[in-house]
C-alpha atoms as a PDB file:
ATOM      1  CA  MET A   1      22.709   1.620 -63.441  1.00  0.00           C
ATOM      2  CA  ASN A   2      24.526   3.071 -60.420  1.00  0.00           C
ATOM      3  CA  GLU A   3      23.037   6.490 -61.158  1.00  0.00           C
ATOM      4  CA  ARG A   4      19.542   4.983 -61.296  1.00  0.00           C
ATOM      5  CA  ILE A   5      20.077   3.202 -57.983  1.00  0.00           C
ATOM      6  CA  LYS A   6      21.329   6.396 -56.346  1.00  0.00           C
ATOM      7  CA  GLY A   7      18.410   8.338 -57.792  1.00  0.00           C
ATOM      8  CA  GLY A   8      15.908   5.751 -56.596  1.00  0.00           C
ATOM      9  CA  LEU A   9      17.417   5.803 -53.121  1.00  0.00           C
ATOM     10  CA  LEU A  10      17.180   9.598 -52.975  1.00  0.00           C
ATOM     11  CA  VAL A  11      13.508   9.577 -53.987  1.00  0.00           C
ATOM     12  CA  PHE A  12      12.765   6.818 -51.487  1.00  0.00           C
ATOM     13  CA  LEU A  13      14.492   8.702 -48.649  1.00  0.00           C
ATOM     14  CA  GLY A  14      12.560  11.842 -49.571  1.00  0.00           C
ATOM     15  CA  ALA A  15       9.304   9.889 -49.308  1.00  0.00           C
ATOM     16  CA  VAL A  16      10.376   8.422 -45.961  1.00  0.00           C
ATOM     17  CA  SER A  17      11.042  11.950 -44.732  1.00  0.00           C
ATOM     18  CA  PHE A  18       7.524  13.022 -45.738  1.00  0.00           C
ATOM     19  CA  GLY A  19       6.045   9.936 -44.086  1.00  0.00           C
ATOM     20  CA  LEU A  20       7.468  10.836 -40.675  1.00  0.00           C
ATOM     21  CA  LEU A  21       5.785  14.259 -40.549  1.00  0.00           C
ATOM     22  CA  SER A  22       2.495  13.147 -39.004  1.00  0.00           C
ATOM     23  CA  THR A  23       4.320  11.368 -36.177  1.00  0.00           C
ATOM     24  CA  ILE A  24       6.426  14.459 -35.409  1.00  0.00           C
ATOM     25  CA  VAL A  25       3.286  16.607 -35.401  1.00  0.00           C
ATOM     26  CA  LYS A  26       1.589  14.243 -32.946  1.00  0.00           C
ATOM     27  CA  PHE A  27       4.537  14.621 -30.559  1.00  0.00           C
ATOM     28  CA  ALA A  28       4.453  18.408 -30.960  1.00  0.00           C
ATOM     29  CA  TYR A  29       0.772  18.437 -29.990  1.00  0.00           C
ATOM     30  CA  GLU A  30       1.615  16.339 -26.930  1.00  0.00           C
ATOM     31  CA  GLN A  31       4.084  19.046 -25.896  1.00  0.00           C
ATOM     32  CA  GLY A  32       1.196  21.516 -25.811  1.00  0.00           C
ATOM     33  CA  TYR A  33       1.891  23.438 -29.010  1.00  0.00           C
ATOM     34  CA  THR A  34      -1.038  24.675 -31.089  1.00  0.00           C
ATOM     35  CA  LEU A  35      -1.835  24.254 -34.770  1.00  0.00           C
ATOM     36  CA  GLY A  36      -0.838  27.844 -35.559  1.00  0.00           C
ATOM     37  CA  GLU A  37       2.467  27.510 -33.721  1.00  0.00           C
ATOM     38  CA  ILE A  38       3.359  24.251 -35.433  1.00  0.00           C
ATOM     39  CA  THR A  39       2.489  25.314 -38.970  1.00  0.00           C
ATOM     40  CA  GLY A  40       3.885  28.817 -38.498  1.00  0.00           C
ATOM     41  CA  THR A  41       7.264  27.747 -37.193  1.00  0.00           C
ATOM     42  CA  GLN A  42       7.598  25.050 -39.875  1.00  0.00           C
ATOM     43  CA  SER A  43       6.930  27.430 -42.763  1.00  0.00           C
ATOM     44  CA  PHE A  44       9.133  30.149 -41.254  1.00  0.00           C
ATOM     45  CA  SER A  45      12.051  27.750 -40.644  1.00  0.00           C
ATOM     46  CA  GLY A  46      11.679  26.270 -44.119  1.00  0.00           C
ATOM     47  CA  MET A  47      11.646  29.732 -45.686  1.00  0.00           C
ATOM     48  CA  VAL A  48      14.838  30.780 -43.874  1.00  0.00           C
ATOM     49  CA  ILE A  49      16.666  27.549 -44.732  1.00  0.00           C
ATOM     50  CA  LEU A  50      15.688  27.538 -48.413  1.00  0.00           C
ATOM     51  CA  TRP A  51      16.546  31.204 -48.988  1.00  0.00           C
ATOM     52  CA  ALA A  52      19.899  30.663 -47.274  1.00  0.00           C
ATOM     53  CA  LEU A  53      20.614  27.639 -49.487  1.00  0.00           C
ATOM     54  CA  TYR A  54      19.579  29.553 -52.604  1.00  0.00           C
ATOM     55  CA  MET A  55      21.775  32.572 -51.808  1.00  0.00           C
ATOM     56  CA  VAL A  56      24.780  30.335 -51.134  1.00  0.00           C
ATOM     57  CA  SER A  57      24.243  28.388 -54.365  1.00  0.00           C
ATOM     58  CA  ALA A  58      23.706  31.612 -56.354  1.00  0.00           C
ATOM     59  CA  LYS A  59      26.928  33.073 -54.972  1.00  0.00           C
ATOM     60  CA  ILE A  60      28.874  29.921 -55.843  1.00  0.00           C
ATOM     61  CA  LYS A  61      27.397  29.869 -59.342  1.00  0.00           C
ATOM     62  CA  LYS A  62      28.220  33.546 -59.845  1.00  0.00           C
ATOM     63  CA  GLN A  63      31.832  32.962 -58.836  1.00  0.00           C
ATOM     64  CA  ASP A  64      32.057  29.979 -61.204  1.00  0.00           C
ATOM     65  CA  ASN A  65      30.691  32.116 -64.053  1.00  0.00           C
ATOM     66  CA  ILE A  66      33.229  34.852 -63.359  1.00  0.00           C
ATOM     67  CA  THR A  67      36.050  32.294 -63.266  1.00  0.00           C
ATOM     68  CA  SER A  68      34.985  30.660 -66.503  1.00  0.00           C
ATOM     69  CA  LYS A  69      33.995  34.036 -68.064  1.00  0.00           C
ATOM     70  CA  GLU A  70      30.569  32.705 -69.022  1.00  0.00           C
ATOM     71  CA  LYS A  71      27.762  34.983 -70.091  1.00  0.00           C
ATOM     72  CA  LYS A  72      25.006  35.846 -67.653  1.00  0.00           C
ATOM     73  CA  GLU A  73      21.948  33.638 -67.777  1.00  0.00           C
ATOM     74  CA  PRO A  74      18.745  35.220 -69.108  1.00  0.00           C
ATOM     75  CA  THR A  75      16.455  36.854 -66.586  1.00  0.00           C
ATOM     76  CA  ASP A  76      13.726  34.614 -65.180  1.00  0.00           C
ATOM     77  CA  LYS A  77      10.446  35.053 -67.049  1.00  0.00           C
ATOM     78  CA  THR A  78       8.033  33.984 -64.328  1.00  0.00           C
ATOM     79  CA  LYS A  79       7.004  36.751 -61.929  1.00  0.00           C
ATOM     80  CA  TRP A  80       7.988  35.992 -58.330  1.00  0.00           C
ATOM     81  CA  TRP A  81       4.527  36.758 -56.967  1.00  0.00           C
ATOM     82  CA  LYS A  82       2.929  34.103 -59.158  1.00  0.00           C
ATOM     83  CA  VAL A  83       5.146  31.444 -57.591  1.00  0.00           C
ATOM     84  CA  CYS A  84       4.356  32.778 -54.114  1.00  0.00           C
ATOM     85  CA  ILE A  85       0.633  32.523 -54.811  1.00  0.00           C
ATOM     86  CA  ALA A  86       1.080  28.915 -55.944  1.00  0.00           C
ATOM     87  CA  GLY A  87       2.981  28.273 -52.724  1.00  0.00           C
ATOM     88  CA  THR A  88       0.080  29.460 -50.567  1.00  0.00           C
ATOM     89  CA  PHE A  89      -1.576  26.112 -51.207  1.00  0.00           C
ATOM     90  CA  THR A  90       1.267  24.342 -49.403  1.00  0.00           C
ATOM     91  CA  GLY A  91       0.454  26.489 -46.383  1.00  0.00           C
ATOM     92  CA  LEU A  92      -3.173  25.378 -46.606  1.00  0.00           C
ATOM     93  CA  VAL A  93      -2.089  21.750 -46.924  1.00  0.00           C
ATOM     94  CA  GLY A  94      -0.108  22.050 -43.686  1.00  0.00           C
ATOM     95  CA  ILE A  95      -2.936  23.760 -41.799  1.00  0.00           C
ATOM     96  CA  PHE A  96      -5.646  21.339 -42.924  1.00  0.00           C
ATOM     97  CA  TYR A  97      -3.487  18.212 -42.654  1.00  0.00           C
ATOM     98  CA  TYR A  98      -2.087  18.981 -39.200  1.00  0.00           C
ATOM     99  CA  GLN A  99      -5.583  19.773 -37.929  1.00  0.00           C
ATOM    100  CA  CYS A 100      -6.654  16.394 -39.324  1.00  0.00           C
ATOM    101  CA  VAL A 101      -3.726  14.739 -37.513  1.00  0.00           C
ATOM    102  CA  LYS A 102      -4.906  16.395 -34.304  1.00  0.00           C
ATOM    103  CA  LEU A 103      -8.445  15.032 -34.622  1.00  0.00           C
ATOM    104  CA  LEU A 104      -7.747  11.605 -36.130  1.00  0.00           C
ATOM    105  CA  PRO A 105      -5.113   8.854 -35.847  1.00  0.00           C
ATOM    106  CA  ALA A 106      -2.061   9.656 -37.979  1.00  0.00           C
ATOM    107  CA  SER A 107      -2.590   6.425 -39.950  1.00  0.00           C
ATOM    108  CA  ILE A 108      -6.057   7.673 -41.008  1.00  0.00           C
ATOM    109  CA  ALA A 109      -4.876  11.231 -41.716  1.00  0.00           C
ATOM    110  CA  ILE A 110      -2.314  10.075 -44.282  1.00  0.00           C
ATOM    111  CA  ILE A 111      -4.966   7.962 -46.028  1.00  0.00           C
ATOM    112  CA  LEU A 112      -7.212  11.017 -46.347  1.00  0.00           C
ATOM    113  CA  LEU A 113      -4.332  13.078 -47.739  1.00  0.00           C
ATOM    114  CA  MET A 114      -3.776  10.460 -50.447  1.00  0.00           C
ATOM    115  CA  GLN A 115      -7.243  11.237 -51.803  1.00  0.00           C
ATOM    116  CA  TYR A 116      -5.519  13.960 -53.823  1.00  0.00           C
ATOM    117  CA  LEU A 117      -5.225  11.227 -56.478  1.00  0.00           C
ATOM    118  CA  TRP A 118      -8.901  11.238 -57.437  1.00  0.00           C
ATOM    119  CA  ILE A 119      -9.398  14.903 -56.553  1.00  0.00           C
ATOM    120  CA  SER A 120      -6.709  15.809 -59.101  1.00  0.00           C
ATOM    121  CA  VAL A 121      -8.545  13.873 -61.792  1.00  0.00           C
ATOM    122  CA  LEU A 122     -11.816  15.558 -60.819  1.00  0.00           C
ATOM    123  CA  ILE A 123     -10.300  19.054 -60.973  1.00  0.00           C
ATOM    124  CA  GLU A 124      -8.731  18.359 -64.366  1.00  0.00           C
ATOM    125  CA  ALA A 125     -12.092  17.141 -65.667  1.00  0.00           C
ATOM    126  CA  VAL A 126     -14.041  20.151 -64.367  1.00  0.00           C
ATOM    127  CA  VAL A 127     -11.521  22.973 -64.821  1.00  0.00           C
ATOM    128  CA  PHE A 128      -9.376  21.827 -67.751  1.00  0.00           C
ATOM    129  CA  LYS A 129     -12.079  19.738 -69.463  1.00  0.00           C
ATOM    130  CA  LYS A 130      -9.735  16.742 -69.515  1.00  0.00           C
ATOM    131  CA  LYS A 131     -11.883  13.619 -69.428  1.00  0.00           C
ATOM    132  CA  PRO A 132     -10.502  10.763 -67.313  1.00  0.00           C
ATOM    133  CA  THR A 133      -9.601   7.569 -69.149  1.00  0.00           C
ATOM    134  CA  ARG A 134     -11.073   4.184 -68.299  1.00  0.00           C
ATOM    135  CA  LYS A 135      -7.778   3.276 -66.700  1.00  0.00           C
ATOM    136  CA  GLN A 136      -7.922   6.323 -64.416  1.00  0.00           C
ATOM    137  CA  LEU A 137     -11.512   5.631 -63.407  1.00  0.00           C
ATOM    138  CA  LEU A 138     -10.669   2.009 -62.585  1.00  0.00           C
ATOM    139  CA  LEU A 139      -7.662   3.022 -60.503  1.00  0.00           C
ATOM    140  CA  LEU A 140      -9.671   5.678 -58.684  1.00  0.00           C
ATOM    141  CA  CYS A 141     -12.223   3.037 -57.715  1.00  0.00           C
ATOM    142  CA  ILE A 142      -9.343   0.986 -56.317  1.00  0.00           C
ATOM    143  CA  VAL A 143      -8.132   4.013 -54.341  1.00  0.00           C
ATOM    144  CA  LEU A 144     -11.583   4.561 -52.872  1.00  0.00           C
ATOM    145  CA  ALA A 145     -11.913   0.866 -51.978  1.00  0.00           C
ATOM    146  CA  GLY A 146      -8.480   0.974 -50.361  1.00  0.00           C
ATOM    147  CA  THR A 147      -9.488   4.080 -48.431  1.00  0.00           C
ATOM    148  CA  LEU A 148     -12.565   2.373 -46.997  1.00  0.00           C
ATOM    149  CA  LEU A 149     -10.432  -0.555 -45.840  1.00  0.00           C
ATOM    150  CA  ALA A 150      -7.451   1.456 -44.606  1.00  0.00           C
ATOM    151  CA  GLY A 151      -9.723   3.913 -42.843  1.00  0.00           C
ATOM    152  CA  GLY A 152     -11.215   1.089 -40.823  1.00  0.00           C
ATOM    153  CA  LEU A 153     -14.737   1.973 -41.919  1.00  0.00           C
ATOM    154  CA  PHE A 154     -15.701  -1.720 -41.791  1.00  0.00           C
ATOM    155  CA  SER A 155     -14.518  -2.023 -38.199  1.00  0.00           C
ATOM    156  CA  SER A 156     -17.113  -1.866 -35.465  1.00  0.00           C
ATOM    157  CA  THR A 157     -14.662  -0.165 -33.105  1.00  0.00           C
ATOM    158  CA  ILE A 158     -13.648   2.723 -35.347  1.00  0.00           C
ATOM    159  CA  GLU A 159     -14.922   6.164 -34.434  1.00  0.00           C
ATOM    160  CA  LEU A 160     -14.142   8.761 -37.061  1.00  0.00           C
ATOM    161  CA  ASN A 161     -14.290  12.441 -36.227  1.00  0.00           C
ATOM    162  CA  LEU A 162     -16.335  14.049 -39.018  1.00  0.00           C
ATOM    163  CA  LYS A 163     -14.513  17.353 -38.632  1.00  0.00           C
ATOM    164  CA  GLY A 164     -11.199  15.529 -38.927  1.00  0.00           C
ATOM    165  CA  VAL A 165     -12.331  13.800 -42.122  1.00  0.00           C
ATOM    166  CA  ILE A 166     -13.370  17.140 -43.624  1.00  0.00           C
ATOM    167  CA  PHE A 167      -9.984  18.696 -42.789  1.00  0.00           C
ATOM    168  CA  GLY A 168      -8.245  15.669 -44.311  1.00  0.00           C
ATOM    169  CA  LEU A 169     -10.164  16.022 -47.564  1.00  0.00           C
ATOM    170  CA  LEU A 170      -9.491  19.777 -47.605  1.00  0.00           C
ATOM    171  CA  ALA A 171      -5.782  18.985 -47.237  1.00  0.00           C
ATOM    172  CA  ALA A 172      -6.031  16.544 -50.147  1.00  0.00           C
ATOM    173  CA  ALA A 173      -7.810  19.124 -52.317  1.00  0.00           C
ATOM    174  CA  SER A 174      -5.210  21.786 -51.472  1.00  0.00           C
ATOM    175  CA  TYR A 175      -2.421  19.338 -52.275  1.00  0.00           C
ATOM    176  CA  ALA A 176      -4.010  18.487 -55.636  1.00  0.00           C
ATOM    177  CA  ILE A 177      -4.261  22.183 -56.522  1.00  0.00           C
ATOM    178  CA  PHE A 178      -0.665  22.745 -55.403  1.00  0.00           C
ATOM    179  CA  LEU A 179       0.618  19.930 -57.637  1.00  0.00           C
ATOM    180  CA  MET A 180      -1.244  21.356 -60.629  1.00  0.00           C
ATOM    181  CA  THR A 181      -0.100  24.940 -60.116  1.00  0.00           C
ATOM    182  CA  SER A 182       3.500  24.077 -59.236  1.00  0.00           C
ATOM    183  CA  GLY A 183       3.753  21.947 -62.371  1.00  0.00           C
ATOM    184  CA  ARG A 184       2.677  24.883 -64.533  1.00  0.00           C
ATOM    185  CA  ILE A 185       4.302  27.883 -62.843  1.00  0.00           C
ATOM    186  CA  GLY A 186       7.952  28.837 -62.351  1.00  0.00           C
ATOM    187  CA  ASN A 187       9.543  25.988 -64.279  1.00  0.00           C
ATOM    188  CA  ASP A 188      12.078  28.449 -65.739  1.00  0.00           C
ATOM    189  CA  LEU A 189      13.394  29.272 -62.252  1.00  0.00           C
ATOM    190  CA  PRO A 190      16.248  27.517 -60.437  1.00  0.00           C
ATOM    191  CA  VAL A 191      14.893  24.718 -58.220  1.00  0.00           C
ATOM    192  CA  LEU A 192      16.010  26.341 -54.970  1.00  0.00           C
ATOM    193  CA  LYS A 193      14.629  29.746 -55.921  1.00  0.00           C
ATOM    194  CA  LYS A 194      11.267  28.284 -56.912  1.00  0.00           C
ATOM    195  CA  SER A 195      11.109  26.279 -53.666  1.00  0.00           C
ATOM    196  CA  ALA A 196      12.064  29.339 -51.601  1.00  0.00           C
ATOM    197  CA  LEU A 197       9.395  31.485 -53.269  1.00  0.00           C
ATOM    198  CA  MET A 198       6.767  28.810 -52.746  1.00  0.00           C
ATOM    199  CA  ILE A 199       7.512  28.372 -49.055  1.00  0.00           C
ATOM    200  CA  THR A 200       7.498  32.176 -48.732  1.00  0.00           C
ATOM    201  CA  GLY A 201       3.942  32.165 -50.064  1.00  0.00           C
ATOM    202  CA  SER A 202       3.139  29.350 -47.663  1.00  0.00           C
ATOM    203  CA  CYS A 203       4.584  31.314 -44.741  1.00  0.00           C
ATOM    204  CA  ILE A 204       2.620  34.453 -45.636  1.00  0.00           C
ATOM    205  CA  MET A 205      -0.630  32.479 -45.891  1.00  0.00           C
ATOM    206  CA  THR A 206       0.022  30.748 -42.562  1.00  0.00           C
ATOM    207  CA  PHE A 207       0.843  34.009 -40.773  1.00  0.00           C
ATOM    208  CA  ILE A 208      -2.320  35.629 -42.160  1.00  0.00           C
ATOM    209  CA  ILE A 209      -4.457  32.849 -40.695  1.00  0.00           C
ATOM    210  CA  PHE A 210      -2.385  32.419 -37.526  1.00  0.00           C
ATOM    211  CA  PRO A 211      -0.501  35.613 -36.593  1.00  0.00           C
ATOM    212  CA  PRO A 212       2.988  34.610 -35.317  1.00  0.00           C
ATOM    213  CA  LEU A 213       2.503  35.634 -31.703  1.00  0.00           C
ATOM    214  CA  PHE A 214       4.957  32.908 -30.682  1.00  0.00           C
ATOM    215  CA  PHE A 215       7.813  35.240 -31.681  1.00  0.00           C
ATOM    216  CA  PHE A 216       6.798  37.689 -28.944  1.00  0.00           C
ATOM    217  CA  ASN A 217       5.538  35.544 -26.045  1.00  0.00           C
ATOM    218  CA  GLY A 218       8.686  33.481 -25.542  1.00  0.00           C
ATOM    219  CA  THR A 219       7.271  30.283 -27.060  1.00  0.00           C
ATOM    220  CA  TYR A 220       9.557  30.272 -30.085  1.00  0.00           C
ATOM    221  CA  LEU A 221      12.868  30.486 -28.240  1.00  0.00           C
ATOM    222  CA  GLY A 222      11.419  28.366 -25.448  1.00  0.00           C
ATOM    223  CA  GLY A 223      11.634  25.246 -27.617  1.00  0.00           C
ATOM    224  CA  LEU A 224       9.187  25.710 -30.483  1.00  0.00           C
ATOM    225  CA  TYR A 225      12.024  26.508 -32.888  1.00  0.00           C
ATOM    226  CA  LEU A 226      13.346  22.949 -32.505  1.00  0.00           C
ATOM    227  CA  TRP A 227      10.037  21.525 -33.726  1.00  0.00           C
ATOM    228  CA  GLY A 228       9.990  24.054 -36.538  1.00  0.00           C
ATOM    229  CA  LEU A 229      13.457  23.046 -37.684  1.00  0.00           C
ATOM    230  CA  SER A 230      12.668  19.315 -37.594  1.00  0.00           C
ATOM    231  CA  LEU A 231       9.368  19.741 -39.458  1.00  0.00           C
ATOM    232  CA  ALA A 232      10.998  22.069 -41.990  1.00  0.00           C
ATOM    233  CA  LEU A 233      13.826  19.624 -42.651  1.00  0.00           C
ATOM    234  CA  PHE A 234      11.603  16.542 -42.965  1.00  0.00           C
ATOM    235  CA  GLY A 235       8.771  18.264 -44.833  1.00  0.00           C
ATOM    236  CA  THR A 236      10.116  21.342 -46.619  1.00  0.00           C
ATOM    237  CA  VAL A 237      13.830  20.991 -47.333  1.00  0.00           C
ATOM    238  CA  VAL A 238      14.935  17.351 -47.588  1.00  0.00           C
ATOM    239  CA  PRO A 239      12.096  15.802 -49.695  1.00  0.00           C
ATOM    240  CA  PRO A 240      12.024  18.429 -52.500  1.00  0.00           C
ATOM    241  CA  PHE A 241      15.840  18.486 -52.585  1.00  0.00           C
ATOM    242  CA  PHE A 242      16.091  14.686 -52.815  1.00  0.00           C
ATOM    243  CA  PHE A 243      13.257  14.521 -55.354  1.00  0.00           C
ATOM    244  CA  SER A 244      14.891  17.171 -57.551  1.00  0.00           C
ATOM    245  CA  MET A 245      18.126  15.135 -57.598  1.00  0.00           C
ATOM    246  CA  GLY A 246      16.606  11.667 -57.753  1.00  0.00           C
ATOM    247  CA  ILE A 247      13.666  11.900 -60.159  1.00  0.00           C
ATOM    248  CA  PRO A 248      15.760  13.043 -63.179  1.00  0.00           C
ATOM    249  CA  ARG A 249      17.902   9.928 -62.699  1.00  0.00           C
ATOM    250  CA  VAL A 250      15.068   7.393 -62.509  1.00  0.00           C
ATOM    251  CA  GLY A 251      12.341   9.130 -64.513  1.00  0.00           C
ATOM    252  CA  VAL A 252       9.015  10.643 -63.506  1.00  0.00           C
ATOM    253  CA  SER A 253       7.051   7.371 -63.505  1.00  0.00           C
ATOM    254  CA  ILE A 254       9.476   5.423 -61.327  1.00  0.00           C
ATOM    255  CA  GLY A 255       9.943   8.495 -59.141  1.00  0.00           C
ATOM    256  CA  ALA A 256       6.200   8.734 -58.537  1.00  0.00           C
ATOM    257  CA  ILE A 257       6.077   5.047 -57.587  1.00  0.00           C
ATOM    258  CA  LEU A 258       8.984   5.376 -55.161  1.00  0.00           C
ATOM    259  CA  SER A 259       7.543   8.552 -53.639  1.00  0.00           C
ATOM    260  CA  ALA A 260       4.450   6.524 -52.692  1.00  0.00           C
ATOM    261  CA  ALA A 261       6.610   5.055 -49.910  1.00  0.00           C
ATOM    262  CA  GLU A 262       5.306   7.980 -47.865  1.00  0.00           C
ATOM    263  CA  LEU A 263       2.076   6.049 -47.236  1.00  0.00           C
ATOM    264  CA  PRO A 264       3.471   2.812 -45.715  1.00  0.00           C
ATOM    265  CA  VAL A 265       6.141   4.753 -43.822  1.00  0.00           C
ATOM    266  CA  ALA A 266       3.498   6.966 -42.197  1.00  0.00           C
ATOM    267  CA  THR A 267       1.404   3.877 -41.400  1.00  0.00           C
ATOM    268  CA  LEU A 268       4.364   1.975 -39.935  1.00  0.00           C
ATOM    269  CA  SER A 269       5.391   5.013 -37.921  1.00  0.00           C
ATOM    270  CA  SER A 270       1.847   5.307 -36.572  1.00  0.00           C
ATOM    271  CA  ALA A 271       1.793   1.632 -35.596  1.00  0.00           C
ATOM    272  CA  PHE A 272       5.235   1.256 -34.023  1.00  0.00           C
ATOM    273  CA  ILE A 273       6.009   4.737 -32.692  1.00  0.00           C
ATOM    274  CA  LEU A 274       2.570   6.125 -31.863  1.00  0.00           C
ATOM    275  CA  LYS A 275       1.194   2.652 -30.997  1.00  0.00           C
ATOM    276  CA  GLU A 276      -1.951   3.175 -33.094  1.00  0.00           C
ATOM    277  CA  ASN A 277      -4.033   0.156 -34.050  1.00  0.00           C
ATOM    278  CA  VAL A 278      -3.246  -0.824 -37.642  1.00  0.00           C
ATOM    279  CA  ASP A 279      -4.771  -4.254 -38.322  1.00  0.00           C
ATOM    280  CA  ALA A 280      -4.557  -6.537 -41.358  1.00  0.00           C
ATOM    281  CA  ILE A 281      -7.632  -5.016 -43.046  1.00  0.00           C
ATOM    282  CA  LYS A 282      -6.099  -1.541 -42.877  1.00  0.00           C
ATOM    283  CA  TRP A 283      -2.883  -2.867 -44.386  1.00  0.00           C
ATOM    284  CA  ILE A 284      -4.856  -4.400 -47.265  1.00  0.00           C
ATOM    285  CA  GLY A 285      -6.314  -0.950 -47.887  1.00  0.00           C
ATOM    286  CA  VAL A 286      -2.850   0.614 -47.846  1.00  0.00           C
ATOM    287  CA  ILE A 287      -1.589  -1.995 -50.309  1.00  0.00           C
ATOM    288  CA  LEU A 288      -4.539  -1.332 -52.641  1.00  0.00           C
ATOM    289  CA  ILE A 289      -3.769   2.385 -52.698  1.00  0.00           C
ATOM    290  CA  LEU A 290      -0.082   1.678 -53.357  1.00  0.00           C
ATOM    291  CA  LEU A 291      -0.986  -0.683 -56.205  1.00  0.00           C
ATOM    292  CA  ALA A 292      -3.167   2.022 -57.741  1.00  0.00           C
ATOM    293  CA  ILE A 293      -0.281   4.507 -57.545  1.00  0.00           C
ATOM    294  CA  VAL A 294       2.094   2.012 -59.130  1.00  0.00           C
ATOM    295  CA  ALA A 295      -0.389   1.134 -61.882  1.00  0.00           C
ATOM    296  CA  THR A 296      -0.956   4.823 -62.599  1.00  0.00           C
ATOM    297  CA  ASN A 297       2.726   5.224 -63.424  1.00  0.00           C
ATOM    298  CA  ILE A 298       3.309   2.000 -65.343  1.00  0.00           C
ATOM    299  CA  LYS A 299       3.378   2.690 -69.049  1.00  0.00           C
ATOM    300  CA  THR A 300       2.357  -0.008 -71.485  1.00  0.00           C
ATOM    301  CA  ARG A 301       1.709   0.168 -75.212  1.00  0.00           C
ATOM    302  CA  ASP A 302      -2.048  -0.179 -74.752  1.00  0.00           C
ATOM    303  CA  LEU A 303      -2.255   2.376 -71.964  1.00  0.00           C
ATOM    304  CA  ASN A 304      -0.210   4.880 -73.898  1.00  0.00           C
ATOM    305  CA  THR A 305      -2.529   4.444 -76.864  1.00  0.00           C
ATOM    306  CA  GLU A 306      -5.550   5.083 -74.671  1.00  0.00           C
ATOM    307  CA  THR A 307      -4.216   8.270 -73.123  1.00  0.00           C
ATOM    308  CA  ASP A 308      -3.032   9.845 -76.369  1.00  0.00           C
END
């Protein structure tokens, strides 16, 4: 039981870390930094940190193998470039999502990102010919209803930026594709190596779209690196590390439920730190989305029969 509690706490803290990203990005924009600078420095910092962690862990493991005279592990089967390509979608998520955060309140941006739930089902139906179950369709309707409420679309005072909504949905689509590809590619690799390769792909994609001029004009050493480190830690290093340690202890279903804490944390952060207006109707929408996530990961005898 203690292991399950520790695992649950790790997953929850990872979700909290993710939930704070939009607030940090808002502050970075207020400091005058651009989308390319923010996403570029985050992916670069994350890449450096993860490769450093992987090399240290690989060295320690190699020394342990020499000490214990164990045989060398088999060579990884997955090609490194395939994992990098899968990681490019994380770069697109950052670019689209942070642009959405720039154009819309952070509390709305996170709601749009959560639309990856129904987009994932749609992609599986179209690409993999996997028909959604009645349970999935019902829960997706709940997600959409929650989105309408949480997005404040029934409020007479809300003014949504159409471009911001489009970027939010693009971020959700990119995130859905990332989850599908990352779940199918590189599972034979060590966790740190897979994460490092993915963020390398993300960094390459980001630098292609936004050339890293900040390295040469003094912006990076002038303070941008601090934002890059904080965003990398909260969005690139800490959550995957905590999830990789916590989810095996509590199970995938419970882990997915706990990771949904990202949504209320982002909403609370928007309300209390950014002072955005989050009324009771929006909170009802947030709760509906959370209930849909929880229901998606609750296994019952009837539901298991339906999905088989």
